[in-house]
Amino acid sequence: MASGVTVTDDVITVFNEMKVRKLQANEDEKKKRKKAVLFCLSEDKKHIILEEGQEILTGDVGVTVQDPYLHFVKMLPADDCRYALYDATYETKETKKEDLVFIFWAPDGAPLKSKMIYASSKDAIKKKFTGIKHEWQVNGLEDIKDRRTLADKLGGSSVVTLEGSPI
């Protein structure tokens, strides 16, 4: 079901910047890379936009953000829906990996109208996020607060750490 909602160019730019990891990036560029970002609907409900001030930069980790995953979880509103991209760093038994995870946050406390428009607009944003391997619909803090749940989504039982915290 399509809602007619469009994705702004800013959202696509942020996705592309998060998706492409520049091997030649200098320290300054690496610090400006987004670790997590939230997207919301515009006031008129016609566009998916960046949610102002709702992002974690890689350079913030260890400075103003001690645990990026917990900080990200706290950014999610308790009473409304959001889309999010989270750049997860994790280890399997074989190797260390980084993957972008597309998250559709639809908490039980969100208004029904909001849940409906976000659900019907999800395809619009997913189509712009080409190459996303992991998608996760989350309906409450119980589903997301334990990083093991995300670890399971990313690699099942072989995942041993996520962001350096043992699971």
C-alpha atoms as a PDB file:
ATOM      1  CA  MET A   1       0.000   0.000   0.000  1.00  0.00           C
ATOM      2  CA  ALA A   2       1.586   3.273  -1.121  1.00  0.00           C
ATOM      3  CA  SER A   3       0.965   6.480   0.776  1.00  0.00           C
ATOM      4  CA  GLY A   4       2.256   8.986  -1.790  1.00  0.00           C
ATOM      5  CA  VAL A   5       4.947  10.119   0.659  1.00  0.00           C
ATOM      6  CA  THR A   6       8.267  11.021  -0.981  1.00  0.00           C
ATOM      7  CA  VAL A   7      11.817  10.797   0.340  1.00  0.00           C
ATOM      8  CA  THR A   8      13.823  14.045   0.388  1.00  0.00           C
ATOM      9  CA  ASP A   9      17.240  14.304  -1.252  1.00  0.00           C
ATOM     10  CA  ASP A  10      18.833  14.918   2.177  1.00  0.00           C
ATOM     11  CA  VAL A  11      17.698  11.476   3.353  1.00  0.00           C
ATOM     12  CA  ILE A  12      19.180   9.815   0.252  1.00  0.00           C
ATOM     13  CA  THR A  13      22.443  11.753   0.675  1.00  0.00           C
ATOM     14  CA  VAL A  14      22.781  10.651   4.315  1.00  0.00           C
ATOM     15  CA  PHE A  15      22.109   7.034   3.353  1.00  0.00           C
ATOM     16  CA  ASN A  16      24.715   7.121   0.582  1.00  0.00           C
ATOM     17  CA  GLU A  17      27.286   8.708   2.908  1.00  0.00           C
ATOM     18  CA  MET A  18      26.657   6.024   5.533  1.00  0.00           C
ATOM     19  CA  LYS A  19      26.740   3.227   2.970  1.00  0.00           C
ATOM     20  CA  VAL A  20      30.017   4.227   1.350  1.00  0.00           C
ATOM     21  CA  ARG A  21      33.002   3.831   3.625  1.00  0.00           C
ATOM     22  CA  LYS A  22      35.892   5.780   2.188  1.00  0.00           C
ATOM     23  CA  LEU A  23      39.130   3.879   2.747  1.00  0.00           C
ATOM     24  CA  GLN A  24      41.131   7.076   2.174  1.00  0.00           C
ATOM     25  CA  ALA A  25      39.067   9.083   4.688  1.00  0.00           C
ATOM     26  CA  ASN A  26      41.129  11.235   7.032  1.00  0.00           C
ATOM     27  CA  GLU A  27      40.464  11.378  10.791  1.00  0.00           C
ATOM     28  CA  ASP A  28      38.297  14.503  10.472  1.00  0.00           C
ATOM     29  CA  GLU A  29      36.087  12.860   7.839  1.00  0.00           C
ATOM     30  CA  LYS A  30      35.803   9.689   9.934  1.00  0.00           C
ATOM     31  CA  LYS A  31      34.644  11.711  12.966  1.00  0.00           C
ATOM     32  CA  LYS A  32      31.865  13.296  10.885  1.00  0.00           C
ATOM     33  CA  ARG A  33      30.514   9.922   9.709  1.00  0.00           C
ATOM     34  CA  LYS A  34      27.084   9.147  11.051  1.00  0.00           C
ATOM     35  CA  LYS A  35      26.762   6.159  13.381  1.00  0.00           C
ATOM     36  CA  ALA A  36      22.981   6.496  13.651  1.00  0.00           C
ATOM     37  CA  VAL A  37      20.309   8.804  12.293  1.00  0.00           C
ATOM     38  CA  LEU A  38      16.533   9.139  12.639  1.00  0.00           C
ATOM     39  CA  PHE A  39      14.062  10.037   9.894  1.00  0.00           C
ATOM     40  CA  CYS A  40      10.514  11.304  10.390  1.00  0.00           C
ATOM     41  CA  LEU A  41       7.598  12.583   8.366  1.00  0.00           C
ATOM     42  CA  SER A  42       7.403  16.288   7.596  1.00  0.00           C
ATOM     43  CA  GLU A  43       4.682  18.347   9.313  1.00  0.00           C
ATOM     44  CA  ASP A  44       2.425  18.032   6.257  1.00  0.00           C
ATOM     45  CA  LYS A  45       3.033  14.223   6.171  1.00  0.00           C
ATOM     46  CA  LYS A  46       4.129  14.384   2.525  1.00  0.00           C
ATOM     47  CA  HIS A  47       7.883  13.823   2.859  1.00  0.00           C
ATOM     48  CA  ILE A  48      10.314  11.647   4.770  1.00  0.00           C
ATOM     49  CA  ILE A  49      12.952  13.992   6.190  1.00  0.00           C
ATOM     50  CA  LEU A  50      15.974  13.940   8.481  1.00  0.00           C
ATOM     51  CA  GLU A  51      14.912  14.482  12.073  1.00  0.00           C
ATOM     52  CA  GLU A  52      16.804  17.572  13.148  1.00  0.00           C
ATOM     53  CA  GLY A  53      19.476  16.885  15.775  1.00  0.00           C
ATOM     54  CA  GLN A  54      18.733  13.150  15.975  1.00  0.00           C
ATOM     55  CA  GLU A  55      22.015  11.604  14.941  1.00  0.00           C
ATOM     56  CA  ILE A  56      25.164  10.145  16.433  1.00  0.00           C
ATOM     57  CA  LEU A  57      28.467  10.959  14.769  1.00  0.00           C
ATOM     58  CA  THR A  58      31.382   8.530  14.938  1.00  0.00           C
ATOM     59  CA  GLY A  59      33.457  11.339  16.470  1.00  0.00           C
ATOM     60  CA  ASP A  60      30.975  11.590  19.372  1.00  0.00           C
ATOM     61  CA  VAL A  61      31.631   8.010  20.452  1.00  0.00           C
ATOM     62  CA  GLY A  62      33.796   7.994  23.544  1.00  0.00           C
ATOM     63  CA  VAL A  63      33.521  11.790  23.864  1.00  0.00           C
ATOM     64  CA  THR A  64      29.869  12.794  24.380  1.00  0.00           C
ATOM     65  CA  VAL A  65      28.395   9.335  23.680  1.00  0.00           C
ATOM     66  CA  GLN A  66      29.764   6.468  25.773  1.00  0.00           C
ATOM     67  CA  ASP A  67      27.577   3.664  24.419  1.00  0.00           C
ATOM     68  CA  PRO A  68      26.293   4.451  20.917  1.00  0.00           C
ATOM     69  CA  TYR A  69      23.708   1.668  20.918  1.00  0.00           C
ATOM     70  CA  LEU A  70      22.094   2.711  24.211  1.00  0.00           C
ATOM     71  CA  HIS A  71      22.252   6.377  23.145  1.00  0.00           C
ATOM     72  CA  PHE A  72      20.502   5.454  19.895  1.00  0.00           C
ATOM     73  CA  VAL A  73      17.760   3.559  21.745  1.00  0.00           C
ATOM     74  CA  LYS A  74      17.169   6.613  23.968  1.00  0.00           C
ATOM     75  CA  MET A  75      16.751   8.811  20.858  1.00  0.00           C
ATOM     76  CA  LEU A  76      13.648   6.847  19.781  1.00  0.00           C
ATOM     77  CA  PRO A  77      10.408   8.603  20.819  1.00  0.00           C
ATOM     78  CA  ALA A  78       8.147   6.585  23.129  1.00  0.00           C
ATOM     79  CA  ASP A  79       4.960   7.874  21.512  1.00  0.00           C
ATOM     80  CA  ASP A  80       5.594   8.115  17.762  1.00  0.00           C
ATOM     81  CA  CYS A  81       7.035   6.185  14.831  1.00  0.00           C
ATOM     82  CA  ARG A  82      10.382   6.720  13.107  1.00  0.00           C
ATOM     83  CA  TYR A  83      12.684   5.222  10.530  1.00  0.00           C
ATOM     84  CA  ALA A  84      16.337   4.866  11.442  1.00  0.00           C
ATOM     85  CA  LEU A  85      19.678   3.780  10.075  1.00  0.00           C
ATOM     86  CA  TYR A  86      22.154   2.298  12.513  1.00  0.00           C
ATOM     87  CA  ASP A  87      25.731   1.475  11.524  1.00  0.00           C
ATOM     88  CA  ALA A  88      26.366  -1.675  13.556  1.00  0.00           C
ATOM     89  CA  THR A  89      29.883  -2.891  14.237  1.00  0.00           C
ATOM     90  CA  TYR A  90      30.007  -6.483  15.398  1.00  0.00           C
ATOM     91  CA  GLU A  91      32.123  -9.593  15.444  1.00  0.00           C
ATOM     92  CA  THR A  92      31.354 -13.106  14.359  1.00  0.00           C
ATOM     93  CA  LYS A  93      33.596 -16.072  15.111  1.00  0.00           C
ATOM     94  CA  GLU A  94      35.261 -15.429  11.766  1.00  0.00           C
ATOM     95  CA  THR A  95      35.655 -11.666  11.454  1.00  0.00           C
ATOM     96  CA  LYS A  96      34.731  -8.106  12.464  1.00  0.00           C
ATOM     97  CA  LYS A  97      31.900  -6.626  10.377  1.00  0.00           C
ATOM     98  CA  GLU A  98      30.022  -3.378   9.828  1.00  0.00           C
ATOM     99  CA  ASP A  99      26.512  -3.342   8.414  1.00  0.00           C
ATOM    100  CA  LEU A 100      23.802  -0.741   8.071  1.00  0.00           C
ATOM    101  CA  VAL A 101      20.536  -1.738   9.678  1.00  0.00           C
ATOM    102  CA  PHE A 102      17.272  -0.127   8.581  1.00  0.00           C
ATOM    103  CA  ILE A 103      14.912   0.114  11.542  1.00  0.00           C
ATOM    104  CA  PHE A 104      11.194   0.820  11.440  1.00  0.00           C
ATOM    105  CA  TRP A 105      10.241   2.011  14.935  1.00  0.00           C
ATOM    106  CA  ALA A 106       6.507   1.681  15.588  1.00  0.00           C
ATOM    107  CA  PRO A 107       6.005   1.637  19.372  1.00  0.00           C
ATOM    108  CA  ASP A 108       2.758   0.374  20.850  1.00  0.00           C
ATOM    109  CA  GLY A 109       2.148   3.848  22.324  1.00  0.00           C
ATOM    110  CA  ALA A 110       2.158   5.599  18.931  1.00  0.00           C
ATOM    111  CA  PRO A 111      -1.165   6.888  17.552  1.00  0.00           C
ATOM    112  CA  LEU A 112      -2.850   4.495  15.129  1.00  0.00           C
ATOM    113  CA  LYS A 113      -2.856   7.139  12.369  1.00  0.00           C
ATOM    114  CA  SER A 114       0.914   7.572  12.727  1.00  0.00           C
ATOM    115  CA  LYS A 115       1.498   3.804  12.617  1.00  0.00           C
ATOM    116  CA  MET A 116      -0.609   3.535   9.480  1.00  0.00           C
ATOM    117  CA  ILE A 117       1.128   6.335   7.534  1.00  0.00           C
ATOM    118  CA  TYR A 118       4.622   5.196   8.560  1.00  0.00           C
ATOM    119  CA  ALA A 119       3.805   1.586   7.634  1.00  0.00           C
ATOM    120  CA  SER A 120       2.360   2.585   4.268  1.00  0.00           C
ATOM    121  CA  SER A 121       5.347   4.874   3.545  1.00  0.00           C
ATOM    122  CA  LYS A 122       8.040   2.358   4.492  1.00  0.00           C
ATOM    123  CA  ASP A 123       8.399   1.050   0.936  1.00  0.00           C
ATOM    124  CA  ALA A 124       9.156   4.570  -0.331  1.00  0.00           C
ATOM    125  CA  ILE A 125      12.229   4.859   1.887  1.00  0.00           C
ATOM    126  CA  LYS A 126      13.285   1.212   1.497  1.00  0.00           C
ATOM    127  CA  LYS A 127      13.362   1.585  -2.295  1.00  0.00           C
ATOM    128  CA  LYS A 128      15.823   4.480  -1.926  1.00  0.00           C
ATOM    129  CA  PHE A 129      18.048   2.484   0.461  1.00  0.00           C
ATOM    130  CA  THR A 130      19.474   0.049  -2.084  1.00  0.00           C
ATOM    131  CA  GLY A 131      21.774  -2.619  -0.739  1.00  0.00           C
ATOM    132  CA  ILE A 132      20.433  -2.725   2.822  1.00  0.00           C
ATOM    133  CA  LYS A 133      20.884  -6.297   4.057  1.00  0.00           C
ATOM    134  CA  HIS A 134      19.213  -5.953   7.442  1.00  0.00           C
ATOM    135  CA  GLU A 135      15.752  -4.619   8.217  1.00  0.00           C
ATOM    136  CA  TRP A 136      14.176  -4.648  11.645  1.00  0.00           C
ATOM    137  CA  GLN A 137      10.681  -3.647  12.707  1.00  0.00           C
ATOM    138  CA  VAL A 138      10.604  -2.754  16.393  1.00  0.00           C
ATOM    139  CA  ASN A 139       7.395  -2.244  18.365  1.00  0.00           C
ATOM    140  CA  GLY A 140       8.696  -1.303  21.791  1.00  0.00           C
ATOM    141  CA  LEU A 141      11.692  -0.790  24.051  1.00  0.00           C
ATOM    142  CA  GLU A 142      11.553  -4.413  25.192  1.00  0.00           C
ATOM    143  CA  ASP A 143      12.355  -5.460  21.606  1.00  0.00           C
ATOM    144  CA  ILE A 144      15.336  -3.143  21.130  1.00  0.00           C
ATOM    145  CA  LYS A 145      16.942  -2.325  24.488  1.00  0.00           C
ATOM    146  CA  ASP A 146      18.875  -5.596  24.669  1.00  0.00           C
ATOM    147  CA  ARG A 147      21.623  -5.470  22.049  1.00  0.00           C
ATOM    148  CA  ARG A 148      21.514  -9.289  21.805  1.00  0.00           C
ATOM    149  CA  THR A 149      18.310  -8.970  19.794  1.00  0.00           C
ATOM    150  CA  LEU A 150      20.136  -6.898  17.166  1.00  0.00           C
ATOM    151  CA  ALA A 151      23.102  -9.271  17.305  1.00  0.00           C
ATOM    152  CA  ASP A 152      20.752 -12.164  16.517  1.00  0.00           C
ATOM    153  CA  LYS A 153      19.376 -10.236  13.533  1.00  0.00           C
ATOM    154  CA  LEU A 154      22.885  -9.610  12.215  1.00  0.00           C
ATOM    155  CA  GLY A 155      24.342 -13.058  12.437  1.00  0.00           C
ATOM    156  CA  GLY A 156      22.568 -15.432  14.719  1.00  0.00           C
ATOM    157  CA  SER A 157      24.461 -17.393  17.300  1.00  0.00           C
ATOM    158  CA  SER A 158      27.856 -16.658  15.778  1.00  0.00           C
ATOM    159  CA  VAL A 159      27.746 -13.048  16.933  1.00  0.00           C
ATOM    160  CA  VAL A 160      29.851 -12.588  20.048  1.00  0.00           C
ATOM    161  CA  THR A 161      30.078  -8.805  20.436  1.00  0.00           C
ATOM    162  CA  LEU A 162      28.293  -5.700  19.285  1.00  0.00           C
ATOM    163  CA  GLU A 163      30.074  -2.336  19.591  1.00  0.00           C
ATOM    164  CA  GLY A 164      32.693  -3.889  21.817  1.00  0.00           C
ATOM    165  CA  SER A 165      30.268  -4.989  24.529  1.00  0.00           C
ATOM    166  CA  PRO A 166      30.194  -8.742  25.119  1.00  0.00           C
ATOM    167  CA  ILE A 167      26.811 -10.317  24.746  1.00  0.00           C
END
